[in-house]
Amino acid sequence: MKARPVFSFQLNYFLCAVFLFCIEVLIAVYVHDRIIRPYIGDLLVVIFLYALLKSFWDLPVLTAALSVLLFSYVVELSQWAGFINYIGLEQSQLANIVLGNSFEWIDILAYTAGTLCIVVIEWYRSKHAQPYSLTNMPE
């Protein structure tokens, strides 16, 4: 049995990641509310990281989704532990945006919800995907 390559560029995931990155930037710059920016942003960032990961690595859906979820949990727990202060970047606006600076349990819920969205979307895609052939080419 021939092993499939782990590194494999997937344009569809990359375009999704670029789109989600743009949405995240728009949310960060223009949305200053109590729901979309903190919670929908956290849900979308998990999907963004998943799409970015799948853009370059051919990993199974659950492996990639759970890896991103675990990474998100670690980042959130680093906020609880004050990691940004420990590494001396508490004054850096970029570090505060990327790493965050305050732990909240609801963020864990948002990351988990984002991961569930990934699994549901990928399950739906796998059930409804049809390979292209000469008889069912898109118009």
N, C-alpha and C. Protein backbone atom coordinates (compact mmCIF):
# COMPACT_ATOMS: atom_id res chain seq x y z
N MET A 1 0.85 -1.18 0.00
CA MET A 1 0.00 0.00 0.00
C MET A 1 0.90 1.24 0.00
N LYS A 2 0.60 2.15 -0.88
CA LYS A 2 1.37 3.39 -1.00
C LYS A 2 0.84 4.42 -0.01
N ALA A 3 1.74 5.00 0.77
CA ALA A 3 1.33 6.03 1.74
C ALA A 3 1.06 7.34 1.01
N ARG A 4 0.00 8.02 1.42
CA ARG A 4 -0.30 9.30 0.80
C ARG A 4 0.57 10.37 1.45
N PRO A 5 0.93 11.39 0.68
CA PRO A 5 1.78 12.44 1.24
C PRO A 5 1.03 13.25 2.29
N VAL A 6 1.72 13.59 3.36
CA VAL A 6 1.10 14.39 4.42
C VAL A 6 1.00 15.85 3.98
N PHE A 7 2.04 16.35 3.30
CA PHE A 7 2.02 17.73 2.83
C PHE A 7 1.34 17.76 1.47
N SER A 8 0.27 18.52 1.39
CA SER A 8 -0.47 18.60 0.13
C SER A 8 -1.27 19.90 0.13
N PHE A 9 -0.95 20.79 -0.79
CA PHE A 9 -1.66 22.06 -0.85
C PHE A 9 -3.07 21.86 -1.39
N GLN A 10 -4.06 22.38 -0.66
CA GLN A 10 -5.46 22.29 -1.05
C GLN A 10 -6.00 23.71 -1.21
N LEU A 11 -6.22 24.12 -2.44
CA LEU A 11 -6.65 25.49 -2.73
C LEU A 11 -7.98 25.83 -2.07
N ASN A 12 -8.93 24.88 -2.06
CA ASN A 12 -10.24 25.20 -1.49
C ASN A 12 -10.15 25.54 0.00
N TYR A 13 -9.34 24.80 0.76
CA TYR A 13 -9.16 25.12 2.17
C TYR A 13 -8.41 26.44 2.34
N PHE A 14 -7.43 26.67 1.48
CA PHE A 14 -6.66 27.91 1.56
C PHE A 14 -7.55 29.13 1.32
N LEU A 15 -8.39 29.05 0.30
CA LEU A 15 -9.31 30.17 0.03
C LEU A 15 -10.29 30.38 1.18
N CYS A 16 -10.73 29.30 1.77
CA CYS A 16 -11.60 29.39 2.95
C CYS A 16 -10.86 30.08 4.10
N ALA A 17 -9.60 29.70 4.30
CA ALA A 17 -8.80 30.32 5.37
C ALA A 17 -8.60 31.81 5.12
N VAL A 18 -8.32 32.18 3.89
CA VAL A 18 -8.15 33.61 3.54
C VAL A 18 -9.45 34.37 3.80
N PHE A 19 -10.57 33.80 3.37
CA PHE A 19 -11.88 34.43 3.59
C PHE A 19 -12.15 34.61 5.08
N LEU A 20 -11.92 33.55 5.87
CA LEU A 20 -12.17 33.64 7.31
C LEU A 20 -11.22 34.62 7.99
N PHE A 21 -9.97 34.68 7.52
CA PHE A 21 -9.03 35.66 8.07
C PHE A 21 -9.55 37.08 7.82
N CYS A 22 -10.05 37.33 6.63
CA CYS A 22 -10.60 38.66 6.32
C CYS A 22 -11.80 38.97 7.21
N ILE A 23 -12.66 37.99 7.42
CA ILE A 23 -13.81 38.18 8.31
C ILE A 23 -13.34 38.49 9.73
N GLU A 24 -12.34 37.75 10.20
CA GLU A 24 -11.81 37.98 11.55
C GLU A 24 -11.22 39.39 11.69
N VAL A 25 -10.51 39.84 10.67
CA VAL A 25 -9.94 41.21 10.70
C VAL A 25 -11.07 42.23 10.72
N LEU A 26 -12.08 42.04 9.89
CA LEU A 26 -13.22 42.97 9.88
C LEU A 26 -13.92 43.00 11.24
N ILE A 27 -14.09 41.85 11.85
CA ILE A 27 -14.69 41.79 13.18
C ILE A 27 -13.82 42.54 14.19
N ALA A 28 -12.52 42.30 14.14
CA ALA A 28 -11.60 42.94 15.09
C ALA A 28 -11.58 44.46 14.94
N VAL A 29 -11.67 44.94 13.72
CA VAL A 29 -11.56 46.37 13.47
C VAL A 29 -12.89 47.10 13.65
N TYR A 30 -13.98 46.49 13.19
CA TYR A 30 -15.24 47.23 13.12
C TYR A 30 -16.33 46.80 14.10
N VAL A 31 -16.22 45.65 14.70
CA VAL A 31 -17.28 45.17 15.58
C VAL A 31 -16.81 45.28 17.03
N HIS A 32 -17.55 46.05 17.80
CA HIS A 32 -17.20 46.26 19.21
C HIS A 32 -18.43 45.99 20.08
N ASP A 33 -18.87 44.75 20.04
CA ASP A 33 -20.06 44.38 20.80
C ASP A 33 -19.71 43.33 21.85
N ARG A 34 -20.73 42.75 22.43
CA ARG A 34 -20.51 41.75 23.48
C ARG A 34 -20.77 40.32 23.03
N ILE A 35 -21.12 40.13 21.76
CA ILE A 35 -21.41 38.77 21.29
C ILE A 35 -20.55 38.39 20.09
N ILE A 36 -20.65 39.16 19.00
CA ILE A 36 -19.96 38.77 17.77
C ILE A 36 -18.45 38.77 17.95
N ARG A 37 -17.90 39.88 18.43
CA ARG A 37 -16.44 39.96 18.53
C ARG A 37 -15.88 38.90 19.49
N PRO A 38 -16.38 38.78 20.70
CA PRO A 38 -15.73 37.81 21.59
C PRO A 38 -16.09 36.35 21.32
N TYR A 39 -17.31 36.05 20.95
CA TYR A 39 -17.73 34.64 20.89
C TYR A 39 -17.80 34.10 19.47
N ILE A 40 -18.42 34.83 18.56
CA ILE A 40 -18.45 34.39 17.17
C ILE A 40 -17.03 34.43 16.61
N GLY A 41 -16.27 35.43 17.01
CA GLY A 41 -14.87 35.50 16.60
C GLY A 41 -14.08 34.28 17.04
N ASP A 42 -14.30 33.84 18.28
CA ASP A 42 -13.62 32.65 18.79
C ASP A 42 -14.07 31.39 18.05
N LEU A 43 -15.35 31.30 17.76
CA LEU A 43 -15.86 30.16 17.01
C LEU A 43 -15.23 30.13 15.61
N LEU A 44 -15.18 31.29 14.96
CA LEU A 44 -14.62 31.37 13.61
C LEU A 44 -13.11 31.15 13.58
N VAL A 45 -12.41 31.54 14.63
CA VAL A 45 -10.96 31.38 14.61
C VAL A 45 -10.57 29.91 14.60
N VAL A 46 -11.36 29.06 15.24
CA VAL A 46 -11.09 27.62 15.21
C VAL A 46 -11.29 27.09 13.79
N ILE A 47 -12.33 27.55 13.12
CA ILE A 47 -12.58 27.12 11.75
C ILE A 47 -11.48 27.64 10.84
N PHE A 48 -11.05 28.89 11.06
CA PHE A 48 -9.93 29.46 10.30
C PHE A 48 -8.67 28.63 10.46
N LEU A 49 -8.31 28.30 11.70
CA LEU A 49 -7.10 27.52 11.94
C LEU A 49 -7.20 26.13 11.31
N TYR A 50 -8.38 25.53 11.37
CA TYR A 50 -8.60 24.23 10.73
C TYR A 50 -8.38 24.34 9.22
N ALA A 51 -9.00 25.34 8.59
CA ALA A 51 -8.86 25.52 7.15
C ALA A 51 -7.40 25.78 6.78
N LEU A 52 -6.70 26.56 7.59
CA LEU A 52 -5.29 26.83 7.34
C LEU A 52 -4.47 25.55 7.45
N LEU A 53 -4.72 24.76 8.46
CA LEU A 53 -4.02 23.49 8.64
C LEU A 53 -4.29 22.56 7.46
N LYS A 54 -5.55 22.43 7.08
CA LYS A 54 -5.92 21.54 5.98
C LYS A 54 -5.43 22.07 4.63
N SER A 55 -5.09 23.37 4.55
CA SER A 55 -4.55 23.93 3.31
C SER A 55 -3.22 23.30 2.94
N PHE A 56 -2.46 22.89 3.95
CA PHE A 56 -1.10 22.43 3.71
C PHE A 56 -0.83 20.98 4.12
N TRP A 57 -1.68 20.43 4.97
CA TRP A 57 -1.47 19.06 5.43
C TRP A 57 -2.71 18.22 5.19
N ASP A 58 -2.51 17.06 4.60
CA ASP A 58 -3.61 16.14 4.32
C ASP A 58 -3.83 15.25 5.53
N LEU A 59 -4.54 15.78 6.50
CA LEU A 59 -4.83 15.05 7.73
C LEU A 59 -6.29 14.65 7.75
N PRO A 60 -6.62 13.55 8.43
CA PRO A 60 -8.03 13.21 8.60
C PRO A 60 -8.78 14.33 9.33
N VAL A 61 -10.05 14.45 9.05
CA VAL A 61 -10.87 15.53 9.61
C VAL A 61 -10.78 15.57 11.13
N LEU A 62 -11.01 14.45 11.79
CA LEU A 62 -11.00 14.46 13.26
C LEU A 62 -9.63 14.78 13.82
N THR A 63 -8.58 14.28 13.20
CA THR A 63 -7.22 14.58 13.65
C THR A 63 -6.96 16.08 13.58
N ALA A 64 -7.28 16.68 12.44
CA ALA A 64 -7.06 18.11 12.26
C ALA A 64 -7.94 18.94 13.18
N ALA A 65 -9.22 18.58 13.27
CA ALA A 65 -10.16 19.35 14.09
C ALA A 65 -9.79 19.27 15.57
N LEU A 66 -9.46 18.08 16.05
CA LEU A 66 -9.10 17.94 17.46
C LEU A 66 -7.75 18.57 17.77
N SER A 67 -6.84 18.58 16.81
CA SER A 67 -5.55 19.26 16.99
C SER A 67 -5.75 20.76 17.17
N VAL A 68 -6.61 21.34 16.33
CA VAL A 68 -6.91 22.76 16.43
C VAL A 68 -7.63 23.06 17.74
N LEU A 69 -8.55 22.19 18.13
CA LEU A 69 -9.26 22.39 19.40
C LEU A 69 -8.30 22.34 20.58
N LEU A 70 -7.41 21.37 20.58
CA LEU A 70 -6.42 21.26 21.66
C LEU A 70 -5.53 22.49 21.69
N PHE A 71 -5.08 22.95 20.53
CA PHE A 71 -4.26 24.16 20.45
C PHE A 71 -5.03 25.35 21.04
N SER A 72 -6.31 25.47 20.70
CA SER A 72 -7.13 26.58 21.21
C SER A 72 -7.26 26.51 22.72
N TYR A 73 -7.47 25.30 23.24
CA TYR A 73 -7.54 25.13 24.69
C TYR A 73 -6.23 25.54 25.36
N VAL A 74 -5.11 25.17 24.76
CA VAL A 74 -3.80 25.52 25.33
C VAL A 74 -3.62 27.03 25.35
N VAL A 75 -4.01 27.70 24.27
CA VAL A 75 -3.91 29.16 24.23
C VAL A 75 -4.79 29.78 25.32
N GLU A 76 -6.00 29.26 25.47
CA GLU A 76 -6.91 29.80 26.50
C GLU A 76 -6.36 29.54 27.91
N LEU A 77 -5.82 28.36 28.12
CA LEU A 77 -5.22 28.06 29.44
C LEU A 77 -3.98 28.90 29.70
N SER A 78 -3.26 29.26 28.64
CA SER A 78 -2.10 30.14 28.82
C SER A 78 -2.55 31.53 29.28
N GLN A 79 -3.76 31.92 28.88
CA GLN A 79 -4.31 33.19 29.37
C GLN A 79 -4.59 33.11 30.86
N TRP A 80 -5.14 31.98 31.29
CA TRP A 80 -5.40 31.77 32.71
C TRP A 80 -4.10 31.82 33.52
N ALA A 81 -3.03 31.26 32.94
CA ALA A 81 -1.75 31.20 33.64
C ALA A 81 -0.95 32.49 33.54
N GLY A 82 -1.42 33.47 32.76
CA GLY A 82 -0.70 34.73 32.61
C GLY A 82 0.57 34.59 31.78
N PHE A 83 0.55 33.71 30.79
CA PHE A 83 1.73 33.45 29.96
C PHE A 83 2.25 34.70 29.27
N ILE A 84 1.34 35.57 28.82
CA ILE A 84 1.76 36.78 28.11
C ILE A 84 2.60 37.69 29.02
N ASN A 85 2.27 37.71 30.30
CA ASN A 85 3.07 38.48 31.27
C ASN A 85 4.41 37.80 31.51
N TYR A 86 4.38 36.49 31.59
CA TYR A 86 5.59 35.70 31.85
C TYR A 86 6.64 35.92 30.76
N ILE A 87 6.19 36.03 29.50
CA ILE A 87 7.15 36.22 28.41
C ILE A 87 7.41 37.70 28.11
N GLY A 88 6.82 38.59 28.92
CA GLY A 88 7.10 40.01 28.81
C GLY A 88 6.43 40.73 27.66
N LEU A 89 5.32 40.20 27.17
CA LEU A 89 4.64 40.84 26.04
C LEU A 89 3.30 41.46 26.41
N GLU A 90 3.10 41.74 27.70
CA GLU A 90 1.82 42.29 28.14
C GLU A 90 1.52 43.65 27.54
N GLN A 91 2.53 44.40 27.09
CA GLN A 91 2.33 45.71 26.49
C GLN A 91 2.14 45.64 24.98
N SER A 92 2.36 44.47 24.39
CA SER A 92 2.25 44.32 22.94
C SER A 92 0.79 44.14 22.53
N GLN A 93 0.29 45.08 21.72
CA GLN A 93 -1.09 44.99 21.25
C GLN A 93 -1.27 43.75 20.37
N LEU A 94 -0.30 43.46 19.52
CA LEU A 94 -0.40 42.28 18.65
C LEU A 94 -0.43 40.99 19.46
N ALA A 95 0.43 40.89 20.46
CA ALA A 95 0.45 39.69 21.31
C ALA A 95 -0.87 39.54 22.07
N ASN A 96 -1.42 40.66 22.52
CA ASN A 96 -2.71 40.60 23.22
C ASN A 96 -3.85 40.17 22.30
N ILE A 97 -3.78 40.55 21.02
CA ILE A 97 -4.81 40.14 20.07
C ILE A 97 -4.65 38.66 19.73
N VAL A 98 -3.42 38.24 19.44
CA VAL A 98 -3.18 36.86 19.01
C VAL A 98 -3.30 35.87 20.16
N LEU A 99 -2.67 36.16 21.28
CA LEU A 99 -2.65 35.24 22.41
C LEU A 99 -3.79 35.47 23.39
N GLY A 100 -4.35 36.66 23.37
CA GLY A 100 -5.39 36.99 24.34
C GLY A 100 -4.79 37.29 25.69
N ASN A 101 -5.62 37.79 26.59
CA ASN A 101 -5.07 38.14 27.90
C ASN A 101 -6.01 37.85 29.06
N SER A 102 -7.17 37.25 28.78
CA SER A 102 -8.06 36.92 29.89
C SER A 102 -8.78 35.60 29.61
N PHE A 103 -8.72 34.73 30.58
CA PHE A 103 -9.36 33.42 30.47
C PHE A 103 -10.85 33.54 30.73
N GLU A 104 -11.65 32.87 29.89
CA GLU A 104 -13.09 32.78 30.11
C GLU A 104 -13.55 31.40 29.69
N TRP A 105 -14.35 30.77 30.54
CA TRP A 105 -14.87 29.45 30.23
C TRP A 105 -15.73 29.45 28.98
N ILE A 106 -16.43 30.55 28.72
CA ILE A 106 -17.29 30.61 27.54
C ILE A 106 -16.47 30.56 26.25
N ASP A 107 -15.21 30.99 26.32
CA ASP A 107 -14.33 30.88 25.15
C ASP A 107 -14.07 29.41 24.83
N ILE A 108 -13.90 28.59 25.87
CA ILE A 108 -13.73 27.15 25.68
C ILE A 108 -14.97 26.59 24.97
N LEU A 109 -16.13 27.06 25.37
CA LEU A 109 -17.38 26.63 24.74
C LEU A 109 -17.42 27.07 23.27
N ALA A 110 -16.99 28.29 22.98
CA ALA A 110 -16.98 28.79 21.61
C ALA A 110 -16.03 27.97 20.74
N TYR A 111 -14.85 27.63 21.26
CA TYR A 111 -13.90 26.80 20.51
C TYR A 111 -14.49 25.42 20.24
N THR A 112 -15.16 24.87 21.24
CA THR A 112 -15.77 23.56 21.09
C THR A 112 -16.90 23.61 20.05
N ALA A 113 -17.70 24.67 20.09
CA ALA A 113 -18.78 24.84 19.11
C ALA A 113 -18.21 24.97 17.70
N GLY A 114 -17.12 25.70 17.56
CA GLY A 114 -16.46 25.83 16.26
C GLY A 114 -15.99 24.49 15.74
N THR A 115 -15.45 23.68 16.63
CA THR A 115 -14.99 22.35 16.24
C THR A 115 -16.16 21.46 15.83
N LEU A 116 -17.25 21.55 16.55
CA LEU A 116 -18.45 20.80 16.16
C LEU A 116 -18.95 21.25 14.79
N CYS A 117 -18.89 22.54 14.52
CA CYS A 117 -19.27 23.05 13.19
C CYS A 117 -18.38 22.43 12.10
N ILE A 118 -17.09 22.35 12.37
CA ILE A 118 -16.15 21.75 11.42
C ILE A 118 -16.56 20.31 11.12
N VAL A 119 -16.78 19.54 12.18
CA VAL A 119 -17.12 18.12 12.01
C VAL A 119 -18.42 17.96 11.23
N VAL A 120 -19.42 18.77 11.55
CA VAL A 120 -20.71 18.69 10.86
C VAL A 120 -20.55 19.08 9.39
N ILE A 121 -19.85 20.16 9.13
CA ILE A 121 -19.65 20.62 7.74
C ILE A 121 -18.89 19.57 6.94
N GLU A 122 -17.83 19.04 7.52
CA GLU A 122 -17.04 18.04 6.80
C GLU A 122 -17.83 16.75 6.60
N TRP A 123 -18.63 16.37 7.58
CA TRP A 123 -19.48 15.18 7.42
C TRP A 123 -20.47 15.41 6.28
N TYR A 124 -21.10 16.58 6.26
CA TYR A 124 -22.06 16.91 5.21
C TYR A 124 -21.38 16.90 3.85
N ARG A 125 -20.20 17.51 3.76
CA ARG A 125 -19.45 17.54 2.50
C ARG A 125 -19.11 16.13 2.03
N SER A 126 -18.72 15.27 2.94
CA SER A 126 -18.34 13.91 2.54
C SER A 126 -19.54 13.11 2.06
N LYS A 127 -20.71 13.37 2.62
CA LYS A 127 -21.93 12.65 2.22
C LYS A 127 -22.50 13.15 0.89
N HIS A 128 -22.22 14.40 0.56
CA HIS A 128 -22.81 14.98 -0.63
C HIS A 128 -21.80 15.27 -1.73
N ALA A 129 -20.57 14.89 -1.53
CA ALA A 129 -19.54 15.12 -2.54
C ALA A 129 -19.71 14.11 -3.67
N GLN A 130 -19.64 14.60 -4.87
CA GLN A 130 -19.69 13.73 -6.04
C GLN A 130 -18.46 14.01 -6.88
N PRO A 131 -17.71 12.98 -7.18
CA PRO A 131 -16.54 13.22 -8.03
C PRO A 131 -16.99 13.65 -9.43
N TYR A 132 -16.19 14.50 -10.02
CA TYR A 132 -16.51 14.96 -11.37
C TYR A 132 -16.20 13.86 -12.37
N SER A 133 -17.06 13.73 -13.32
CA SER A 133 -16.81 12.82 -14.44
C SER A 133 -17.36 13.48 -15.69
N LEU A 134 -17.21 12.85 -16.81
CA LEU A 134 -17.70 13.45 -18.04
C LEU A 134 -19.23 13.55 -18.06
N THR A 135 -19.91 12.77 -17.21
CA THR A 135 -21.36 12.80 -17.21
C THR A 135 -21.95 13.78 -16.20
N ASN A 136 -21.17 14.24 -15.23
CA ASN A 136 -21.73 15.17 -14.25
C ASN A 136 -20.82 16.37 -14.01
N MET A 137 -20.25 16.91 -15.07
CA MET A 137 -19.38 18.07 -14.98
C MET A 137 -20.20 19.30 -14.56
N PRO A 138 -19.63 20.17 -13.73
CA PRO A 138 -20.36 21.39 -13.37
C PRO A 138 -20.45 22.31 -14.59
N GLU A 139 -21.54 23.04 -14.68
CA GLU A 139 -21.73 23.93 -15.85
C GLU A 139 -21.19 25.29 -15.60
